[in-house]
Amino acid sequence: MKSRTRPLIGITMRHEVETERFYLARFYSEAIEAAGGVPLHIPLIPRAEYVAQVSDELDGVLLPGSASDVDPLRYGREPHMKLGSVHELRDETDLLILSEVERRGMPLLAICFGMQMLNVWRGGILIQDIESQVPDAIKHEQGSPRGRRSHRVKLLPDSLVAGLAGDETALVNSHHHQAIEMVGAELRATAWTADGLVEAIEDPRRDRWLLGVQWHPEIDWEGDRLSTEIFSEFIKAAGHFSENRGSTERESVREVEMIPGVR
């Protein structure tokens, strides 16, 4: 078989319920390609056999943002009055993809909704609406222009994201009304806003690359240093995974059953 020169990155799509279309903003794929990867859009078909077969070909996964909210029943909460729409196809497909990522030890970059779904899959809990549930919250839905970096985040020293930023703070954009309330198993918070909300999570295990960010690095992937570094390091990790696929997957199969709280 011909060796792969560029890592293949799977990106789950969005579901436009009104027209029954799958779609995805251009920036995710453009950022992956510019960093040296090959983007592959994954239709939202929540069948385990299909997702496993697609995952056989992947070297990394990007879970993007969504126009929907994670179903709160998945983390044991009743729906808040300010809960947005819930798209079951996206929820269910992402959960299957996360199972494959964990089983294989595959690199994962999770953005906005993707980070929230990752946290829920690991047994974490979400704030369903920041404005009505978090006293003295800063503005987390900045509106247009979407690429403007509207608030600062404090970064955990010696974390992956701090290393990529080259600093202990960073300016980021903000487009979300939900946030992490309780961090899930085998995850640690590594970035916070001034109001104390979690803006990044990482897996502390040394044998895998995993980063979840609440902001959208894909929007300004070319003009923002931290955004560029996130995608560059993600693709490097995916290339390393591709080169060491067999041994990485064998180790991960043994570890996945040891994580408490996974969905």
Protein backbone atom coordinates (compact mmCIF):
# COMPACT_ATOMS: atom_id res chain seq x y z
CA MET A 1 0.00 0.00 0.00
CA LYS A 2 1.26 3.48 -0.87
CA SER A 3 2.42 5.38 2.21
CA ARG A 4 0.47 8.50 3.17
CA THR A 5 2.48 11.71 3.04
CA ARG A 6 -0.10 13.98 4.70
CA PRO A 7 -2.24 12.95 7.69
CA LEU A 8 -5.96 12.45 7.07
CA ILE A 9 -8.15 14.46 9.46
CA GLY A 10 -11.83 13.63 9.94
CA ILE A 11 -14.18 16.57 10.65
CA THR A 12 -17.76 15.87 11.69
CA MET A 13 -20.29 18.05 9.87
CA ARG A 14 -23.24 20.15 11.05
CA HIS A 15 -26.93 19.38 10.59
CA GLU A 16 -29.26 22.01 9.16
CA VAL A 17 -32.54 20.60 10.43
CA GLU A 18 -34.83 22.84 8.36
CA THR A 19 -33.40 21.69 5.01
CA GLU A 20 -32.00 18.30 6.13
CA ARG A 21 -28.55 19.18 4.86
CA PHE A 22 -25.12 18.35 6.27
CA TYR A 23 -22.74 21.31 6.00
CA LEU A 24 -19.51 22.76 7.40
CA ALA A 25 -17.92 26.22 7.43
CA ARG A 26 -14.96 26.44 5.06
CA PHE A 27 -12.41 27.58 7.66
CA TYR A 28 -12.00 24.22 9.41
CA SER A 29 -10.90 22.46 6.22
CA GLU A 30 -8.77 25.36 5.04
CA ALA A 31 -6.90 25.48 8.35
CA ILE A 32 -6.26 21.73 8.29
CA GLU A 33 -5.01 21.80 4.70
CA ALA A 34 -2.78 24.82 5.28
CA ALA A 35 -1.19 23.11 8.28
CA GLY A 36 -0.30 20.07 6.16
CA GLY A 37 -3.27 17.76 6.65
CA VAL A 38 -5.96 16.40 4.37
CA PRO A 39 -9.50 17.23 5.59
CA LEU A 40 -12.24 14.62 5.30
CA HIS A 41 -15.82 15.64 6.05
CA ILE A 42 -17.72 13.02 8.04
CA PRO A 43 -21.50 12.87 7.43
CA LEU A 44 -23.61 12.57 10.56
CA ILE A 45 -24.59 8.91 10.34
CA PRO A 46 -24.71 7.57 13.92
CA ARG A 47 -23.99 3.91 13.15
CA ALA A 48 -21.11 2.33 15.06
CA GLU A 49 -19.95 0.13 12.17
CA TYR A 50 -19.83 3.08 9.77
CA VAL A 51 -17.97 5.32 12.23
CA ALA A 52 -15.47 2.57 13.05
CA GLN A 53 -14.74 1.96 9.36
CA VAL A 54 -14.25 5.66 8.68
CA SER A 55 -11.97 5.89 11.73
CA ASP A 56 -9.80 3.09 10.34
CA GLU A 57 -8.52 5.57 7.76
CA LEU A 58 -8.04 8.60 9.98
CA ASP A 59 -4.91 10.00 11.62
CA GLY A 60 -6.74 12.62 13.67
CA VAL A 61 -10.19 14.05 14.39
CA LEU A 62 -11.47 17.62 14.58
CA LEU A 63 -14.79 18.11 16.36
CA PRO A 64 -16.02 21.53 15.19
CA GLY A 65 -18.53 24.00 16.54
CA SER A 66 -22.25 23.63 15.99
CA ALA A 67 -25.41 25.72 15.77
CA SER A 68 -26.88 23.36 18.39
CA ASP A 69 -26.45 22.59 22.10
CA VAL A 70 -25.52 19.26 23.66
CA ASP A 71 -28.65 17.48 24.92
CA PRO A 72 -28.60 18.05 28.73
CA LEU A 73 -30.18 14.63 29.30
CA ARG A 74 -26.78 13.24 28.31
CA TYR A 75 -25.29 14.72 31.49
CA GLY A 76 -28.26 14.17 33.77
CA ARG A 77 -29.89 17.61 33.67
CA GLU A 78 -33.36 18.77 32.63
CA PRO A 79 -33.47 21.37 29.81
CA HIS A 80 -33.03 24.98 30.90
CA MET A 81 -35.40 27.62 29.50
CA LYS A 82 -32.54 29.15 27.50
CA LEU A 83 -31.34 25.85 26.01
CA GLY A 84 -30.86 26.14 22.25
CA SER A 85 -31.80 23.56 19.63
CA VAL A 86 -30.52 19.99 20.01
CA HIS A 87 -29.40 18.06 16.93
CA GLU A 88 -29.43 14.36 17.75
CA LEU A 89 -27.51 13.29 14.66
CA ARG A 90 -24.58 15.51 15.63
CA ASP A 91 -24.64 14.41 19.29
CA GLU A 92 -24.79 10.72 18.51
CA THR A 93 -22.19 10.78 15.73
CA ASP A 94 -19.74 12.79 17.84
CA LEU A 95 -20.12 10.34 20.74
CA LEU A 96 -19.31 7.42 18.45
CA ILE A 97 -16.33 9.28 17.01
CA LEU A 98 -15.07 10.06 20.52
CA SER A 99 -15.23 6.37 21.41
CA GLU A 100 -13.06 5.55 18.39
CA VAL A 101 -10.62 8.38 19.18
CA GLU A 102 -10.19 7.10 22.71
CA ARG A 103 -9.91 3.45 21.70
CA ARG A 104 -7.19 4.25 19.17
CA GLY A 105 -5.36 7.03 21.03
CA MET A 106 -5.94 9.27 18.02
CA PRO A 107 -5.09 13.00 18.21
CA LEU A 108 -8.15 15.18 18.82
CA LEU A 109 -8.82 18.89 18.42
CA ALA A 110 -12.24 19.85 19.80
CA ILE A 111 -13.60 23.35 19.17
CA CYS A 112 -16.48 25.11 20.99
CA PHE A 113 -19.41 22.63 20.81
CA GLY A 114 -16.83 19.91 20.14
CA MET A 115 -15.08 20.67 23.43
CA GLN A 116 -18.38 20.62 25.28
CA MET A 117 -19.31 17.25 23.77
CA LEU A 118 -15.89 15.86 24.68
CA ASN A 119 -16.40 16.98 28.27
CA VAL A 120 -19.85 15.39 28.44
CA TRP A 121 -18.53 12.14 26.93
CA ARG A 122 -15.96 12.03 29.73
CA GLY A 123 -18.72 12.41 32.35
CA GLY A 124 -18.58 16.19 32.75
CA ILE A 125 -21.44 18.69 33.14
CA LEU A 126 -22.28 21.88 31.23
CA ILE A 127 -23.74 25.27 32.10
CA GLN A 128 -26.74 25.47 29.77
CA ASP A 129 -26.89 29.28 29.49
CA ILE A 130 -24.12 31.55 30.74
CA GLU A 131 -26.07 34.81 30.80
CA SER A 132 -28.85 33.50 33.05
CA GLN A 133 -26.79 31.07 35.16
CA VAL A 134 -23.45 32.80 35.79
CA PRO A 135 -23.53 35.99 37.90
CA ASP A 136 -21.19 38.75 36.69
CA ALA A 137 -20.27 36.85 33.52
CA ILE A 138 -18.37 38.69 30.81
CA LYS A 139 -19.76 38.81 27.26
CA HIS A 140 -19.24 35.41 25.63
CA GLU A 141 -21.33 35.96 22.48
CA GLN A 142 -19.42 38.77 20.81
CA GLY A 143 -21.22 38.81 17.44
CA SER A 144 -19.56 40.35 14.37
CA PRO A 145 -16.84 40.61 13.32
CA ARG A 146 -16.38 36.97 14.27
CA GLY A 147 -12.60 36.99 14.02
CA ARG A 148 -12.11 39.83 16.50
CA ARG A 149 -10.33 38.70 19.66
CA SER A 150 -12.73 40.03 22.28
CA HIS A 151 -11.47 38.82 25.66
CA ARG A 152 -8.42 37.43 27.38
CA VAL A 153 -7.91 33.93 28.79
CA LYS A 154 -5.48 32.93 31.51
CA LEU A 155 -3.47 29.83 30.59
CA LEU A 156 -2.18 27.15 32.94
CA PRO A 157 1.64 27.24 33.05
CA ASP A 158 3.30 24.18 31.48
CA SER A 159 0.08 23.23 29.67
CA LEU A 160 -0.08 22.41 25.97
CA VAL A 161 -2.03 25.56 25.15
CA ALA A 162 0.33 27.80 27.15
CA GLY A 163 3.26 26.31 25.27
CA LEU A 164 1.56 27.01 21.95
CA ALA A 165 0.78 30.58 23.00
CA GLY A 166 4.28 31.16 24.36
CA ASP A 167 2.68 33.05 27.25
CA GLU A 168 0.38 32.62 30.25
CA THR A 169 -2.45 34.66 28.69
CA ALA A 170 -3.99 34.98 25.23
CA LEU A 171 -6.64 37.06 23.46
CA VAL A 172 -9.37 34.96 21.82
CA ASN A 173 -12.69 35.36 20.04
CA SER A 174 -15.92 34.21 21.72
CA HIS A 175 -19.10 32.69 20.25
CA HIS A 176 -20.86 30.51 22.83
CA HIS A 177 -23.67 30.66 25.38
CA GLN A 178 -22.84 27.37 27.12
CA ALA A 179 -19.72 26.41 29.09
CA ILE A 180 -18.18 23.69 31.23
CA GLU A 181 -19.51 23.46 34.78
CA MET A 182 -17.66 20.29 35.87
CA VAL A 183 -14.65 18.90 34.03
CA GLY A 184 -14.90 15.27 32.95
CA ALA A 185 -12.65 12.32 33.76
CA GLU A 186 -9.03 12.29 32.53
CA LEU A 187 -9.32 15.96 31.56
CA ARG A 188 -7.87 19.06 33.15
CA ALA A 189 -8.83 22.70 32.66
CA THR A 190 -5.97 24.74 31.20
CA ALA A 191 -7.55 28.12 30.35
CA TRP A 192 -10.08 30.41 32.07
CA THR A 193 -11.81 33.73 31.44
CA ALA A 194 -11.93 36.55 34.01
CA ASP A 195 -15.33 35.27 35.22
CA GLY A 196 -13.83 31.84 35.98
CA LEU A 197 -15.29 29.85 33.07
CA VAL A 198 -13.17 27.08 31.53
CA GLU A 199 -11.91 27.92 28.04
CA ALA A 200 -9.59 24.97 27.33
CA ILE A 201 -9.22 21.36 28.42
CA GLU A 202 -6.48 18.80 27.87
CA ASP A 203 -5.85 15.13 28.56
CA PRO A 204 -2.96 14.85 31.05
CA ARG A 205 -1.91 11.41 29.83
CA ARG A 206 1.46 11.62 28.11
CA ASP A 207 0.71 9.14 25.33
CA ARG A 208 -1.84 11.21 23.44
CA TRP A 209 -2.51 14.65 21.98
CA LEU A 210 -5.87 16.16 22.94
CA LEU A 211 -6.90 19.81 23.10
CA GLY A 212 -10.34 21.32 23.51
CA VAL A 213 -10.81 25.08 23.16
CA GLN A 214 -13.96 27.12 23.69
CA TRP A 215 -12.96 29.79 21.17
CA HIS A 216 -12.70 29.38 17.37
CA PRO A 217 -9.07 29.22 16.16
CA GLU A 218 -10.25 28.25 12.66
CA ILE A 219 -11.83 31.67 12.03
CA ASP A 220 -8.47 33.50 12.04
CA TRP A 221 -6.12 30.57 11.54
CA GLU A 222 -3.86 32.60 9.26
CA GLY A 223 -3.71 35.91 11.11
CA ASP A 224 -3.40 34.79 14.73
CA ARG A 225 -0.21 33.13 16.00
CA LEU A 226 -1.89 30.94 18.60
CA SER A 227 -4.47 29.70 16.08
CA THR A 228 -1.73 28.85 13.59
CA GLU A 229 0.25 26.99 16.26
CA ILE A 230 -2.80 24.97 17.37
CA PHE A 231 -3.40 23.61 13.89
CA SER A 232 0.30 23.10 13.18
CA GLU A 233 0.86 21.05 16.34
CA PHE A 234 -2.34 19.08 15.80
CA ILE A 235 -1.20 18.04 12.32
CA LYS A 236 2.27 17.14 13.65
CA ALA A 237 0.62 14.90 16.26
CA ALA A 238 -1.56 13.30 13.57
CA GLY A 239 1.52 12.61 11.45
CA HIS A 240 3.22 10.98 14.42
CA PHE A 241 0.11 8.89 15.06
CA SER A 242 0.09 7.76 11.43
CA GLU A 243 3.72 6.63 11.67
CA ASN A 244 3.12 4.71 14.91
CA ARG A 245 -0.48 3.60 14.38
CA GLY A 246 -0.19 -0.06 15.41
CA SER A 247 1.48 0.35 18.79
CA THR A 248 -0.58 3.45 19.69
CA GLU A 249 -3.91 1.69 19.09
CA ARG A 250 -2.95 -1.41 21.08
CA GLU A 251 -2.08 0.67 24.15
CA SER A 252 -5.26 2.74 23.88
CA VAL A 253 -7.57 -0.29 23.70
CA ARG A 254 -6.29 -1.34 27.14
CA GLU A 255 -6.75 2.15 28.61
CA VAL A 256 -10.20 3.17 27.37
CA GLU A 257 -12.08 0.83 29.71
CA MET A 258 -10.25 2.33 32.70
CA ILE A 259 -11.70 5.87 32.32
CA PRO A 260 -14.63 6.44 34.69
CA GLY A 261 -17.70 8.27 33.47
CA VAL A 262 -17.27 7.91 29.70
CA ARG A 263 -20.56 7.86 27.83
